[in-house]
């Protein structure tokens, strides 16, 4: 069993930055592909960014150049650095994990965190 706990969300003005963290436990972290998904009001859940065990990454077109996903295997933690935030980035952000990187990088894998709220507003 894998447990995921997100942190770092909050309220920020347009153009500001946040860094989300996801701490994992209960599994061999370095073997898992990790991802960040988000769900905004009235919209379907969508992939924001994902990173495989070999370090390869995938980003939604809407966040390319603004967001960076990274992982620290020694700390069992994945990060999402979000810069130049826009109101359309407002959503609940969820951490996701799976041994299958394809699942993590498409519709989401087996394990999910509880989510952390990101609100971008002036």
PDB file of N, CA and C in Angstrom:
ATOM      1  N   UNK A   1       0.845  -1.194   0.000  1.00  0.00           N
ATOM      2  CA  UNK A   1       0.000   0.000   0.000  1.00  0.00           C
ATOM      3  C   UNK A   1       0.881   1.245   0.000  1.00  0.00           C
ATOM      4  N   UNK A   2       0.455   2.250  -0.759  1.00  0.00           N
ATOM      5  CA  UNK A   2       1.169   3.504  -0.871  1.00  0.00           C
ATOM      6  C   UNK A   2       0.272   4.618  -0.357  1.00  0.00           C
ATOM      7  N   UNK A   3       0.830   5.475   0.481  1.00  0.00           N
ATOM      8  CA  UNK A   3       0.126   6.651   0.978  1.00  0.00           C
ATOM      9  C   UNK A   3       0.807   7.903   0.451  1.00  0.00           C
ATOM     10  N   UNK A   4       0.001   8.871   0.020  1.00  0.00           N
ATOM     11  CA  UNK A   4       0.497  10.109  -0.559  1.00  0.00           C
ATOM     12  C   UNK A   4      -0.134  11.284   0.175  1.00  0.00           C
ATOM     13  N   UNK A   5       0.685  12.247   0.571  1.00  0.00           N
ATOM     14  CA  UNK A   5       0.205  13.421   1.291  1.00  0.00           C
ATOM     15  C   UNK A   5       0.741  14.669   0.618  1.00  0.00           C
ATOM     16  N   UNK A   6      -0.176  15.500   0.101  1.00  0.00           N
ATOM     17  CA  UNK A   6       0.204  16.739  -0.564  1.00  0.00           C
ATOM     18  C   UNK A   6       0.265  17.893   0.435  1.00  0.00           C
ATOM     19  N   UNK A   7       1.074  18.885   0.103  1.00  0.00           N
ATOM     20  CA  UNK A   7       1.139  20.112   0.881  1.00  0.00           C
ATOM     21  C   UNK A   7       1.636  21.238  -0.018  1.00  0.00           C
ATOM     22  N   UNK A   8       1.467  22.469   0.436  1.00  0.00           N
ATOM     23  CA  UNK A   8       2.005  23.621  -0.264  1.00  0.00           C
ATOM     24  C   UNK A   8       1.001  24.460  -1.018  1.00  0.00           C
ATOM     25  N   UNK A   9      -0.249  24.046  -1.060  1.00  0.00           N
ATOM     26  CA  UNK A   9      -1.260  24.830  -1.736  1.00  0.00           C
ATOM     27  C   UNK A   9      -1.611  26.085  -0.960  1.00  0.00           C
ATOM     28  N   UNK A  10      -2.371  26.962  -1.604  1.00  0.00           N
ATOM     29  CA  UNK A  10      -2.780  28.189  -0.959  1.00  0.00           C
ATOM     30  C   UNK A  10      -3.305  29.196  -1.952  1.00  0.00           C
ATOM     31  N   UNK A  11      -3.448  30.425  -1.480  1.00  0.00           N
ATOM     32  CA  UNK A  11      -3.932  31.538  -2.286  1.00  0.00           C
ATOM     33  C   UNK A  11      -2.754  32.378  -2.749  1.00  0.00           C
ATOM     34  N   UNK A  12      -2.712  32.667  -4.042  1.00  0.00           N
ATOM     35  CA  UNK A  12      -1.627  33.456  -4.608  1.00  0.00           C
ATOM     36  C   UNK A  12      -2.182  34.367  -5.698  1.00  0.00           C
ATOM     37  N   UNK A  13      -1.555  35.518  -5.885  1.00  0.00           N
ATOM     38  CA  UNK A  13      -1.966  36.443  -6.938  1.00  0.00           C
ATOM     39  C   UNK A  13      -1.462  35.986  -8.299  1.00  0.00           C
ATOM     40  N   UNK A  14      -2.146  36.379  -9.374  1.00  0.00           N
ATOM     41  CA  UNK A  14      -1.639  36.064 -10.712  1.00  0.00           C
ATOM     42  C   UNK A  14      -0.198  36.525 -10.879  1.00  0.00           C
ATOM     43  N   UNK A  15       0.613  35.675 -11.500  1.00  0.00           N
ATOM     44  CA  UNK A  15       2.028  35.952 -11.657  1.00  0.00           C
ATOM     45  C   UNK A  15       2.889  35.436 -10.528  1.00  0.00           C
ATOM     46  N   UNK A  16       2.276  34.987  -9.460  1.00  0.00           N
ATOM     47  CA  UNK A  16       3.010  34.481  -8.316  1.00  0.00           C
ATOM     48  C   UNK A  16       3.438  33.034  -8.485  1.00  0.00           C
ATOM     49  N   UNK A  17       4.063  32.496  -7.440  1.00  0.00           N
ATOM     50  CA  UNK A  17       4.610  31.148  -7.476  1.00  0.00           C
ATOM     51  C   UNK A  17       4.216  30.356  -6.244  1.00  0.00           C
ATOM     52  N   UNK A  18       4.122  29.051  -6.410  1.00  0.00           N
ATOM     53  CA  UNK A  18       3.928  28.105  -5.325  1.00  0.00           C
ATOM     54  C   UNK A  18       4.735  26.855  -5.623  1.00  0.00           C
ATOM     55  N   UNK A  19       5.124  26.152  -4.572  1.00  0.00           N
ATOM     56  CA  UNK A  19       5.733  24.849  -4.732  1.00  0.00           C
ATOM     57  C   UNK A  19       4.930  23.827  -3.956  1.00  0.00           C
ATOM     58  N   UNK A  20       4.391  22.849  -4.666  1.00  0.00           N
ATOM     59  CA  UNK A  20       3.667  21.760  -4.043  1.00  0.00           C
ATOM     60  C   UNK A  20       4.611  20.606  -3.747  1.00  0.00           C
ATOM     61  N   UNK A  21       4.354  19.918  -2.640  1.00  0.00           N
ATOM     62  CA  UNK A  21       5.118  18.742  -2.271  1.00  0.00           C
ATOM     63  C   UNK A  21       4.185  17.563  -2.075  1.00  0.00           C
ATOM     64  N   UNK A  22       4.664  16.382  -2.397  1.00  0.00           N
ATOM     65  CA  UNK A  22       3.932  15.149  -2.168  1.00  0.00           C
ATOM     66  C   UNK A  22       4.872  14.161  -1.507  1.00  0.00           C
ATOM     67  N   UNK A  23       4.587  13.829  -0.264  1.00  0.00           N
ATOM     68  CA  UNK A  23       5.386  12.870   0.488  1.00  0.00           C
ATOM     69  C   UNK A  23       4.754  11.490   0.389  1.00  0.00           C
ATOM     70  N   UNK A  24       5.546  10.508  -0.009  1.00  0.00           N
ATOM     71  CA  UNK A  24       5.067   9.148  -0.209  1.00  0.00           C
ATOM     72  C   UNK A  24       5.613   8.219   0.858  1.00  0.00           C
ATOM     73  N   UNK A  25       4.809   7.225   1.212  1.00  0.00           N
ATOM     74  CA  UNK A  25       5.236   6.201   2.152  1.00  0.00           C
ATOM     75  C   UNK A  25       4.558   4.888   1.802  1.00  0.00           C
ATOM     76  N   UNK A  26       5.117   3.785   2.289  1.00  0.00           N
ATOM     77  CA  UNK A  26       4.501   2.481   2.111  1.00  0.00           C
ATOM     78  C   UNK A  26       4.890   1.727   0.852  1.00  0.00           C
ATOM     79  N   UNK A  27       5.790   2.270   0.062  1.00  0.00           N
ATOM     80  CA  UNK A  27       6.240   1.626  -1.152  1.00  0.00           C
ATOM     81  C   UNK A  27       7.687   1.959  -1.451  1.00  0.00           C
ATOM     82  N   UNK A  28       8.215   1.317  -2.473  1.00  0.00           N
ATOM     83  CA  UNK A  28       9.581   1.605  -2.917  1.00  0.00           C
ATOM     84  C   UNK A  28       9.503   2.792  -3.871  1.00  0.00           C
ATOM     85  N   UNK A  29       9.667   3.986  -3.320  1.00  0.00           N
ATOM     86  CA  UNK A  29       9.387   5.221  -4.039  1.00  0.00           C
ATOM     87  C   UNK A  29      10.135   5.320  -5.364  1.00  0.00           C
ATOM     88  N   UNK A  30      11.383   4.940  -5.385  1.00  0.00           N
ATOM     89  CA  UNK A  30      12.208   5.144  -6.578  1.00  0.00           C
ATOM     90  C   UNK A  30      11.718   4.344  -7.782  1.00  0.00           C
ATOM     91  N   UNK A  31      10.884   3.320  -7.565  1.00  0.00           N
ATOM     92  CA  UNK A  31      10.363   2.515  -8.658  1.00  0.00           C
ATOM     93  C   UNK A  31       9.077   3.080  -9.262  1.00  0.00           C
ATOM     94  N   UNK A  32       8.464   4.044  -8.597  1.00  0.00           N
ATOM     95  CA  UNK A  32       7.169   4.550  -9.018  1.00  0.00           C
ATOM     96  C   UNK A  32       7.283   5.742  -9.949  1.00  0.00           C
ATOM     97  N   UNK A  33       6.401   5.771 -10.934  1.00  0.00           N
ATOM     98  CA  UNK A  33       6.146   6.996 -11.661  1.00  0.00           C
ATOM     99  C   UNK A  33       5.218   7.863 -10.826  1.00  0.00           C
ATOM    100  N   UNK A  34       5.470   9.162 -10.813  1.00  0.00           N
ATOM    101  CA  UNK A  34       4.713  10.096  -9.997  1.00  0.00           C
ATOM    102  C   UNK A  34       4.097  11.170 -10.884  1.00  0.00           C
ATOM    103  N   UNK A  35       2.930  11.631 -10.490  1.00  0.00           N
ATOM    104  CA  UNK A  35       2.270  12.658 -11.280  1.00  0.00           C
ATOM    105  C   UNK A  35       1.480  13.625 -10.437  1.00  0.00           C
ATOM    106  N   UNK A  36       1.191  14.767 -11.043  1.00  0.00           N
ATOM    107  CA  UNK A  36       0.289  15.756 -10.483  1.00  0.00           C
ATOM    108  C   UNK A  36      -0.892  15.927 -11.432  1.00  0.00           C
ATOM    109  N   UNK A  37      -2.087  15.790 -10.899  1.00  0.00           N
ATOM    110  CA  UNK A  37      -3.327  16.047 -11.614  1.00  0.00           C
ATOM    111  C   UNK A  37      -4.056  17.185 -10.931  1.00  0.00           C
ATOM    112  N   UNK A  38      -4.964  17.797 -11.657  1.00  0.00           N
ATOM    113  CA  UNK A  38      -5.785  18.839 -11.053  1.00  0.00           C
ATOM    114  C   UNK A  38      -7.212  18.740 -11.560  1.00  0.00           C
ATOM    115  N   UNK A  39      -8.124  19.229 -10.741  1.00  0.00           N
ATOM    116  CA  UNK A  39      -9.523  19.275 -11.121  1.00  0.00           C
ATOM    117  C   UNK A  39     -10.102  20.620 -10.706  1.00  0.00           C
ATOM    118  N   UNK A  40     -10.556  21.371 -11.690  1.00  0.00           N
ATOM    119  CA  UNK A  40     -11.165  22.665 -11.463  1.00  0.00           C
ATOM    120  C   UNK A  40     -12.681  22.514 -11.457  1.00  0.00           C
ATOM    121  N   UNK A  41     -13.401  23.464 -10.852  1.00  0.00           N
ATOM    122  CA  UNK A  41     -14.864  23.387 -10.824  1.00  0.00           C
ATOM    123  C   UNK A  41     -15.450  23.271 -12.228  1.00  0.00           C
ATOM    124  N   UNK A  42     -16.332  22.301 -12.418  1.00  0.00           N
ATOM    125  CA  UNK A  42     -16.994  22.111 -13.692  1.00  0.00           C
ATOM    126  C   UNK A  42     -16.154  21.456 -14.769  1.00  0.00           C
ATOM    127  N   UNK A  43     -14.957  21.008 -14.432  1.00  0.00           N
ATOM    128  CA  UNK A  43     -14.074  20.397 -15.418  1.00  0.00           C
ATOM    129  C   UNK A  43     -13.662  18.994 -14.993  1.00  0.00           C
ATOM    130  N   UNK A  44     -13.241  18.215 -15.971  1.00  0.00           N
ATOM    131  CA  UNK A  44     -12.707  16.887 -15.704  1.00  0.00           C
ATOM    132  C   UNK A  44     -11.294  16.988 -15.135  1.00  0.00           C
ATOM    133  N   UNK A  45     -10.902  15.958 -14.410  1.00  0.00           N
ATOM    134  CA  UNK A  45      -9.539  15.873 -13.925  1.00  0.00           C
ATOM    135  C   UNK A  45      -8.573  15.798 -15.103  1.00  0.00           C
ATOM    136  N   UNK A  46      -7.460  16.502 -15.001  1.00  0.00           N
ATOM    137  CA  UNK A  46      -6.491  16.515 -16.080  1.00  0.00           C
ATOM    138  C   UNK A  46      -5.075  16.376 -15.547  1.00  0.00           C
ATOM    139  N   UNK A  47      -4.228  15.794 -16.365  1.00  0.00           N
ATOM    140  CA  UNK A  47      -2.812  15.690 -16.033  1.00  0.00           C
ATOM    141  C   UNK A  47      -2.158  17.061 -16.099  1.00  0.00           C
ATOM    142  N   UNK A  48      -1.387  17.393 -15.078  1.00  0.00           N
ATOM    143  CA  UNK A  48      -0.582  18.605 -15.066  1.00  0.00           C
ATOM    144  C   UNK A  48       0.855  18.285 -15.455  1.00  0.00           C
ATOM    145  N   UNK A  49       1.452  17.328 -14.753  1.00  0.00           N
ATOM    146  CA  UNK A  49       2.826  16.925 -15.007  1.00  0.00           C
ATOM    147  C   UNK A  49       3.053  15.551 -14.418  1.00  0.00           C
ATOM    148  N   UNK A  50       4.011  14.822 -14.979  1.00  0.00           N
ATOM    149  CA  UNK A  50       4.371  13.510 -14.462  1.00  0.00           C
ATOM    150  C   UNK A  50       5.855  13.281 -14.664  1.00  0.00           C
ATOM    151  N   UNK A  51       6.412  12.423 -13.818  1.00  0.00           N
ATOM    152  CA  UNK A  51       7.824  12.085 -13.913  1.00  0.00           C
ATOM    153  C   UNK A  51       7.992  10.598 -13.643  1.00  0.00           C
ATOM    154  N   UNK A  52       8.718   9.920 -14.522  1.00  0.00           N
ATOM    155  CA  UNK A  52       8.961   8.495 -14.391  1.00  0.00           C
ATOM    156  C   UNK A  52      10.181   8.240 -13.519  1.00  0.00           C
ATOM    157  N   UNK A  53      10.427   6.968 -13.230  1.00  0.00           N
ATOM    158  CA  UNK A  53      11.556   6.610 -12.377  1.00  0.00           C
ATOM    159  C   UNK A  53      12.895   6.951 -13.014  1.00  0.00           C
ATOM    160  N   UNK A  54      12.938   7.021 -14.355  1.00  0.00           N
ATOM    161  CA  UNK A  54      14.177   7.379 -15.044  1.00  0.00           C
ATOM    162  C   UNK A  54      14.347   8.883 -15.225  1.00  0.00           C
ATOM    163  N   UNK A  55      13.398   9.667 -14.719  1.00  0.00           N
ATOM    164  CA  UNK A  55      13.481  11.109 -14.789  1.00  0.00           C
ATOM    165  C   UNK A  55      12.794  11.745 -15.975  1.00  0.00           C
ATOM    166  N   UNK A  56      12.276  10.966 -16.901  1.00  0.00           N
ATOM    167  CA  UNK A  56      11.559  11.532 -18.034  1.00  0.00           C
ATOM    168  C   UNK A  56      10.277  12.192 -17.555  1.00  0.00           C
ATOM    169  N   UNK A  57       9.872  13.260 -18.224  1.00  0.00           N
ATOM    170  CA  UNK A  57       8.745  14.071 -17.773  1.00  0.00           C
ATOM    171  C   UNK A  57       7.730  14.288 -18.878  1.00  0.00           C
ATOM    172  N   UNK A  58       6.530  14.649 -18.457  1.00  0.00           N
ATOM    173  CA  UNK A  58       5.449  15.010 -19.361  1.00  0.00           C
ATOM    174  C   UNK A  58       4.674  16.153 -18.729  1.00  0.00           C
ATOM    175  N   UNK A  59       4.293  17.139 -19.551  1.00  0.00           N
ATOM    176  CA  UNK A  59       3.558  18.296 -19.070  1.00  0.00           C
ATOM    177  C   UNK A  59       2.339  18.566 -19.930  1.00  0.00           C
ATOM    178  N   UNK A  60       1.305  19.085 -19.305  1.00  0.00           N
ATOM    179  CA  UNK A  60       0.190  19.618 -20.060  1.00  0.00           C
ATOM    180  C   UNK A  60       0.656  20.836 -20.845  1.00  0.00           C
ATOM    181  N   UNK A  61       0.114  21.017 -22.044  1.00  0.00           N
ATOM    182  CA  UNK A  61       0.509  22.154 -22.865  1.00  0.00           C
ATOM    183  C   UNK A  61       0.294  23.483 -22.144  1.00  0.00           C
ATOM    184  N   UNK A  62      -0.733  23.556 -21.328  1.00  0.00           N
ATOM    185  CA  UNK A  62      -1.086  24.799 -20.662  1.00  0.00           C
ATOM    186  C   UNK A  62      -0.085  25.230 -19.596  1.00  0.00           C
ATOM    187  N   UNK A  63       0.781  24.320 -19.153  1.00  0.00           N
ATOM    188  CA  UNK A  63       1.733  24.656 -18.086  1.00  0.00           C
ATOM    189  C   UNK A  63       3.179  24.582 -18.532  1.00  0.00           C
ATOM    190  N   UNK A  64       3.440  24.174 -19.764  1.00  0.00           N
ATOM    191  CA  UNK A  64       4.814  24.083 -20.250  1.00  0.00           C
ATOM    192  C   UNK A  64       5.502  25.440 -20.177  1.00  0.00           C
ATOM    193  N   UNK A  65       6.709  25.433 -19.657  1.00  0.00           N
ATOM    194  CA  UNK A  65       7.460  26.662 -19.485  1.00  0.00           C
ATOM    195  C   UNK A  65       7.178  27.392 -18.194  1.00  0.00           C
ATOM    196  N   UNK A  66       6.142  26.988 -17.476  1.00  0.00           N
ATOM    197  CA  UNK A  66       5.791  27.635 -16.217  1.00  0.00           C
ATOM    198  C   UNK A  66       5.943  26.703 -15.018  1.00  0.00           C
ATOM    199  N   UNK A  67       5.631  25.421 -15.200  1.00  0.00           N
ATOM    200  CA  UNK A  67       5.686  24.442 -14.114  1.00  0.00           C
ATOM    201  C   UNK A  67       6.853  23.492 -14.328  1.00  0.00           C
ATOM    202  N   UNK A  68       7.423  23.012 -13.229  1.00  0.00           N
ATOM    203  CA  UNK A  68       8.493  22.026 -13.278  1.00  0.00           C
ATOM    204  C   UNK A  68       8.238  20.947 -12.246  1.00  0.00           C
ATOM    205  N   UNK A  69       8.231  19.695 -12.687  1.00  0.00           N
ATOM    206  CA  UNK A  69       8.099  18.575 -11.773  1.00  0.00           C
ATOM    207  C   UNK A  69       9.487  17.998 -11.500  1.00  0.00           C
ATOM    208  N   UNK A  70       9.715  17.593 -10.262  1.00  0.00           N
ATOM    209  CA  UNK A  70      10.984  16.988  -9.888  1.00  0.00           C
ATOM    210  C   UNK A  70      10.746  15.987  -8.772  1.00  0.00           C
ATOM    211  N   UNK A  71      11.744  15.151  -8.515  1.00  0.00           N
ATOM    212  CA  UNK A  71      11.612  14.172  -7.446  1.00  0.00           C
ATOM    213  C   UNK A  71      12.916  14.043  -6.694  1.00  0.00           C
ATOM    214  N   UNK A  72      12.802  13.754  -5.406  1.00  0.00           N
ATOM    215  CA  UNK A  72      13.942  13.500  -4.553  1.00  0.00           C
ATOM    216  C   UNK A  72      13.726  12.118  -3.954  1.00  0.00           C
ATOM    217  N   UNK A  73      14.377  11.130  -4.530  1.00  0.00           N
ATOM    218  CA  UNK A  73      14.160   9.752  -4.088  1.00  0.00           C
ATOM    219  C   UNK A  73      14.659   9.507  -2.665  1.00  0.00           C
ATOM    220  N   UNK A  74      15.658  10.259  -2.230  1.00  0.00           N
ATOM    221  CA  UNK A  74      16.162  10.109  -0.870  1.00  0.00           C
ATOM    222  C   UNK A  74      15.135  10.562   0.161  1.00  0.00           C
ATOM    223  N   UNK A  75      14.255  11.486  -0.231  1.00  0.00           N
ATOM    224  CA  UNK A  75      13.226  12.000   0.665  1.00  0.00           C
ATOM    225  C   UNK A  75      11.839  11.445   0.365  1.00  0.00           C
ATOM    226  N   UNK A  76      11.731  10.554  -0.612  1.00  0.00           N
ATOM    227  CA  UNK A  76      10.441   9.987  -1.017  1.00  0.00           C
ATOM    228  C   UNK A  76       9.422  11.085  -1.312  1.00  0.00           C
ATOM    229  N   UNK A  77       9.853  12.096  -2.037  1.00  0.00           N
ATOM    230  CA  UNK A  77       9.027  13.271  -2.267  1.00  0.00           C
ATOM    231  C   UNK A  77       9.097  13.708  -3.721  1.00  0.00           C
ATOM    232  N   UNK A  78       7.951  14.110  -4.255  1.00  0.00           N
ATOM    233  CA  UNK A  78       7.874  14.711  -5.574  1.00  0.00           C
ATOM    234  C   UNK A  78       7.379  16.140  -5.407  1.00  0.00           C
ATOM    235  N   UNK A  79       7.891  17.045  -6.236  1.00  0.00           N
ATOM    236  CA  UNK A  79       7.574  18.461  -6.149  1.00  0.00           C
ATOM    237  C   UNK A  79       6.965  18.961  -7.445  1.00  0.00           C
ATOM    238  N   UNK A  80       6.185  20.009  -7.328  1.00  0.00           N
ATOM    239  CA  UNK A  80       5.701  20.738  -8.491  1.00  0.00           C
ATOM    240  C   UNK A  80       5.943  22.217  -8.245  1.00  0.00           C
ATOM    241  N   UNK A  81       6.939  22.768  -8.927  1.00  0.00           N
ATOM    242  CA  UNK A  81       7.214  24.193  -8.854  1.00  0.00           C
ATOM    243  C   UNK A  81       6.341  24.898  -9.879  1.00  0.00           C
ATOM    244  N   UNK A  82       5.512  25.816  -9.412  1.00  0.00           N
ATOM    245  CA  UNK A  82       4.566  26.515 -10.264  1.00  0.00           C
ATOM    246  C   UNK A  82       4.911  27.998 -10.271  1.00  0.00           C
ATOM    247  N   UNK A  83       5.293  28.505 -11.435  1.00  0.00           N
ATOM    248  CA  UNK A  83       5.641  29.908 -11.606  1.00  0.00           C
ATOM    249  C   UNK A  83       4.665  30.582 -12.551  1.00  0.00           C
ATOM    250  N   UNK A  84       4.618  31.908 -12.472  1.00  0.00           N
ATOM    251  CA  UNK A  84       3.736  32.701 -13.330  1.00  0.00           C
ATOM    252  C   UNK A  84       2.319  32.136 -13.329  1.00  0.00           C
ATOM    253  N   UNK A  85       1.782  31.958 -12.146  1.00  0.00           N
ATOM    254  CA  UNK A  85       0.457  31.349 -12.020  1.00  0.00           C
ATOM    255  C   UNK A  85      -0.626  32.234 -12.611  1.00  0.00           C
ATOM    256  N   UNK A  86      -1.629  31.571 -13.191  1.00  0.00           N
ATOM    257  CA  UNK A  86      -2.745  32.232 -13.836  1.00  0.00           C
ATOM    258  C   UNK A  86      -4.045  31.817 -13.159  1.00  0.00           C
ATOM    259  N   UNK A  87      -5.094  32.637 -13.257  1.00  0.00           N
ATOM    260  CA  UNK A  87      -6.373  32.256 -12.645  1.00  0.00           C
ATOM    261  C   UNK A  87      -6.877  30.892 -13.109  1.00  0.00           C
ATOM    262  N   UNK A  88      -6.613  30.520 -14.349  1.00  0.00           N
ATOM    263  CA  UNK A  88      -7.060  29.228 -14.848  1.00  0.00           C
ATOM    264  C   UNK A  88      -6.307  28.045 -14.246  1.00  0.00           C
ATOM    265  N   UNK A  89      -5.263  28.314 -13.466  1.00  0.00           N
ATOM    266  CA  UNK A  89      -4.579  27.257 -12.731  1.00  0.00           C
ATOM    267  C   UNK A  89      -5.305  26.890 -11.438  1.00  0.00           C
ATOM    268  N   UNK A  90      -6.318  27.647 -11.072  1.00  0.00           N
ATOM    269  CA  UNK A  90      -7.073  27.373  -9.857  1.00  0.00           C
ATOM    270  C   UNK A  90      -7.724  25.996  -9.932  1.00  0.00           C
ATOM    271  N   UNK A  91      -7.439  25.154  -8.947  1.00  0.00           N
ATOM    272  CA  UNK A  91      -7.946  23.785  -8.932  1.00  0.00           C
ATOM    273  C   UNK A  91      -7.490  23.105  -7.655  1.00  0.00           C
ATOM    274  N   UNK A  92      -8.041  21.921  -7.413  1.00  0.00           N
ATOM    275  CA  UNK A  92      -7.482  21.026  -6.422  1.00  0.00           C
ATOM    276  C   UNK A  92      -6.430  20.176  -7.118  1.00  0.00           C
ATOM    277  N   UNK A  93      -5.242  20.145  -6.560  1.00  0.00           N
ATOM    278  CA  UNK A  93      -4.125  19.413  -7.146  1.00  0.00           C
ATOM    279  C   UNK A  93      -3.903  18.116  -6.380  1.00  0.00           C
ATOM    280  N   UNK A  94      -3.826  17.018  -7.120  1.00  0.00           N
ATOM    281  CA  UNK A  94      -3.701  15.688  -6.540  1.00  0.00           C
ATOM    282  C   UNK A  94      -2.388  15.038  -6.947  1.00  0.00           C
ATOM    283  N   UNK A  95      -1.752  14.406  -6.001  1.00  0.00           N
ATOM    284  CA  UNK A  95      -0.571  13.595  -6.262  1.00  0.00           C
ATOM    285  C   UNK A  95      -1.001  12.188  -6.651  1.00  0.00           C
ATOM    286  N   UNK A  96      -0.275  11.579  -7.590  1.00  0.00           N
ATOM    287  CA  UNK A  96      -0.635  10.266  -8.104  1.00  0.00           C
ATOM    288  C   UNK A  96       0.618   9.413  -8.261  1.00  0.00           C
ATOM    289  N   UNK A  97       0.472   8.103  -8.075  1.00  0.00           N
ATOM    290  CA  UNK A  97       1.602   7.188  -8.200  1.00  0.00           C
ATOM    291  C   UNK A  97       1.159   5.854  -8.769  1.00  0.00           C
ATOM    292  N   UNK A  98       2.047   5.238  -9.553  1.00  0.00           N
ATOM    293  CA  UNK A  98       1.821   3.897 -10.079  1.00  0.00           C
ATOM    294  C   UNK A  98       3.143   3.334 -10.570  1.00  0.00           C
ATOM    295  N   UNK A  99       3.282   2.036 -10.493  1.00  0.00           N
ATOM    296  CA  UNK A  99       4.457   1.383 -11.053  1.00  0.00           C
ATOM    297  C   UNK A  99       4.473   1.443 -12.578  1.00  0.00           C
ATOM    298  N   UNK A 100       3.308   1.631 -13.191  1.00  0.00           N
ATOM    299  CA  UNK A 100       3.178   1.737 -14.639  1.00  0.00           C
ATOM    300  C   UNK A 100       3.240   3.207 -15.033  1.00  0.00           C
ATOM    301  N   UNK A 101       4.318   3.652 -15.669  1.00  0.00           N
ATOM    302  CA  UNK A 101       4.417   5.074 -16.019  1.00  0.00           C
ATOM    303  C   UNK A 101       3.384   5.516 -17.048  1.00  0.00           C
ATOM    304  N   UNK A 102       2.906   4.605 -17.892  1.00  0.00           N
ATOM    305  CA  UNK A 102       1.906   4.982 -18.881  1.00  0.00           C
ATOM    306  C   UNK A 102       0.608   5.379 -18.199  1.00  0.00           C
ATOM    307  N   UNK A 103       0.202   4.620 -17.204  1.00  0.00           N
ATOM    308  CA  UNK A 103      -1.016   4.970 -16.474  1.00  0.00           C
ATOM    309  C   UNK A 103      -0.866   6.313 -15.777  1.00  0.00           C
ATOM    310  N   UNK A 104       0.268   6.535 -15.140  1.00  0.00           N
ATOM    311  CA  UNK A 104       0.499   7.780 -14.417  1.00  0.00           C
ATOM    312  C   UNK A 104       0.483   8.979 -15.355  1.00  0.00           C
ATOM    313  N   UNK A 105       0.937   8.798 -16.580  1.00  0.00           N
ATOM    314  CA  UNK A 105       1.049   9.889 -17.533  1.00  0.00           C
ATOM    315  C   UNK A 105      -0.165  10.044 -18.435  1.00  0.00           C
ATOM    316  N   UNK A 106      -1.204   9.254 -18.213  1.00  0.00           N
ATOM    317  CA  UNK A 106      -2.415   9.379 -19.023  1.00  0.00           C
ATOM    318  C   UNK A 106      -3.612   9.753 -18.151  1.00  0.00           C
ATOM    319  N   UNK A 107      -4.312   8.758 -17.601  1.00  0.00           N
ATOM    320  CA  UNK A 107      -5.496   9.035 -16.806  1.00  0.00           C
ATOM    321  C   UNK A 107      -5.278   8.908 -15.306  1.00  0.00           C
ATOM    322  N   UNK A 108      -4.082   8.519 -14.893  1.00  0.00           N
ATOM    323  CA  UNK A 108      -3.778   8.396 -13.482  1.00  0.00           C
ATOM    324  C   UNK A 108      -3.649   6.961 -13.039  1.00  0.00           C
ATOM    325  N   UNK A 109      -2.727   6.718 -12.126  1.00  0.00           N
ATOM    326  CA  UNK A 109      -2.448   5.386 -11.644  1.00  0.00           C
ATOM    327  C   UNK A 109      -3.201   5.014 -10.391  1.00  0.00           C
ATOM    328  N   UNK A 110      -2.671   4.021  -9.691  1.00  0.00           N
ATOM    329  CA  UNK A 110      -3.416   3.341  -8.633  1.00  0.00           C
ATOM    330  C   UNK A 110      -3.600   4.151  -7.356  1.00  0.00           C
ATOM    331  N   UNK A 111      -2.654   5.028  -7.031  1.00  0.00           N
ATOM    332  CA  UNK A 111      -2.647   5.673  -5.725  1.00  0.00           C
ATOM    333  C   UNK A 111      -2.811   7.178  -5.853  1.00  0.00           C
ATOM    334  N   UNK A 112      -3.645   7.732  -4.972  1.00  0.00           N
ATOM    335  CA  UNK A 112      -3.961   9.162  -4.986  1.00  0.00           C
ATOM    336  C   UNK A 112      -3.863   9.755  -3.594  1.00  0.00           C
ATOM    337  N   UNK A 113      -3.415  11.000  -3.537  1.00  0.00           N
ATOM    338  CA  UNK A 113      -3.475  11.758  -2.306  1.00  0.00           C
ATOM    339  C   UNK A 113      -4.833  12.413  -2.127  1.00  0.00           C
ATOM    340  N   UNK A 114      -4.989  13.133  -1.026  1.00  0.00           N
ATOM    341  CA  UNK A 114      -6.258  13.790  -0.719  1.00  0.00           C
ATOM    342  C   UNK A 114      -6.453  15.102  -1.464  1.00  0.00           C
ATOM    343  N   UNK A 115      -5.389  15.679  -1.966  1.00  0.00           N
ATOM    344  CA  UNK A 115      -5.470  16.911  -2.723  1.00  0.00           C
ATOM    345  C   UNK A 115      -5.118  18.137  -1.896  1.00  0.00           C
ATOM    346  N   UNK A 116      -4.656  19.170  -2.583  1.00  0.00           N
ATOM    347  CA  UNK A 116      -4.379  20.458  -1.964  1.00  0.00           C
ATOM    348  C   UNK A 116      -4.905  21.561  -2.873  1.00  0.00           C
ATOM    349  N   UNK A 117      -5.574  22.533  -2.288  1.00  0.00           N
ATOM    350  CA  UNK A 117      -6.227  23.593  -3.051  1.00  0.00           C
ATOM    351  C   UNK A 117      -5.230  24.660  -3.460  1.00  0.00           C
ATOM    352  N   UNK A 118      -5.254  25.011  -4.742  1.00  0.00           N
ATOM    353  CA  UNK A 118      -4.496  26.144  -5.265  1.00  0.00           C
ATOM    354  C   UNK A 118      -5.489  27.143  -5.833  1.00  0.00           C
ATOM    355  N   UNK A 119      -5.453  28.365  -5.333  1.00  0.00           N
ATOM    356  CA  UNK A 119      -6.340  29.417  -5.809  1.00  0.00           C
ATOM    357  C   UNK A 119      -5.503  30.594  -6.278  1.00  0.00           C
ATOM    358  N   UNK A 120      -5.693  30.985  -7.531  1.00  0.00           N
ATOM    359  CA  UNK A 120      -4.965  32.107  -8.123  1.00  0.00           C
ATOM    360  C   UNK A 120      -5.971  33.212  -8.397  1.00  0.00           C
ATOM    361  N   UNK A 121      -5.869  34.283  -7.654  1.00  0.00           N
ATOM    362  CA  UNK A 121      -6.858  35.355  -7.744  1.00  0.00           C
ATOM    363  C   UNK A 121      -6.257  36.669  -7.272  1.00  0.00           C
ATOM    364  N   UNK A 122      -6.697  37.750  -7.896  1.00  0.00           N
ATOM    365  CA  UNK A 122      -6.291  39.078  -7.472  1.00  0.00           C
ATOM    366  C   UNK A 122      -7.264  39.674  -6.470  1.00  0.00           C
TER     367      UNK A 122
END
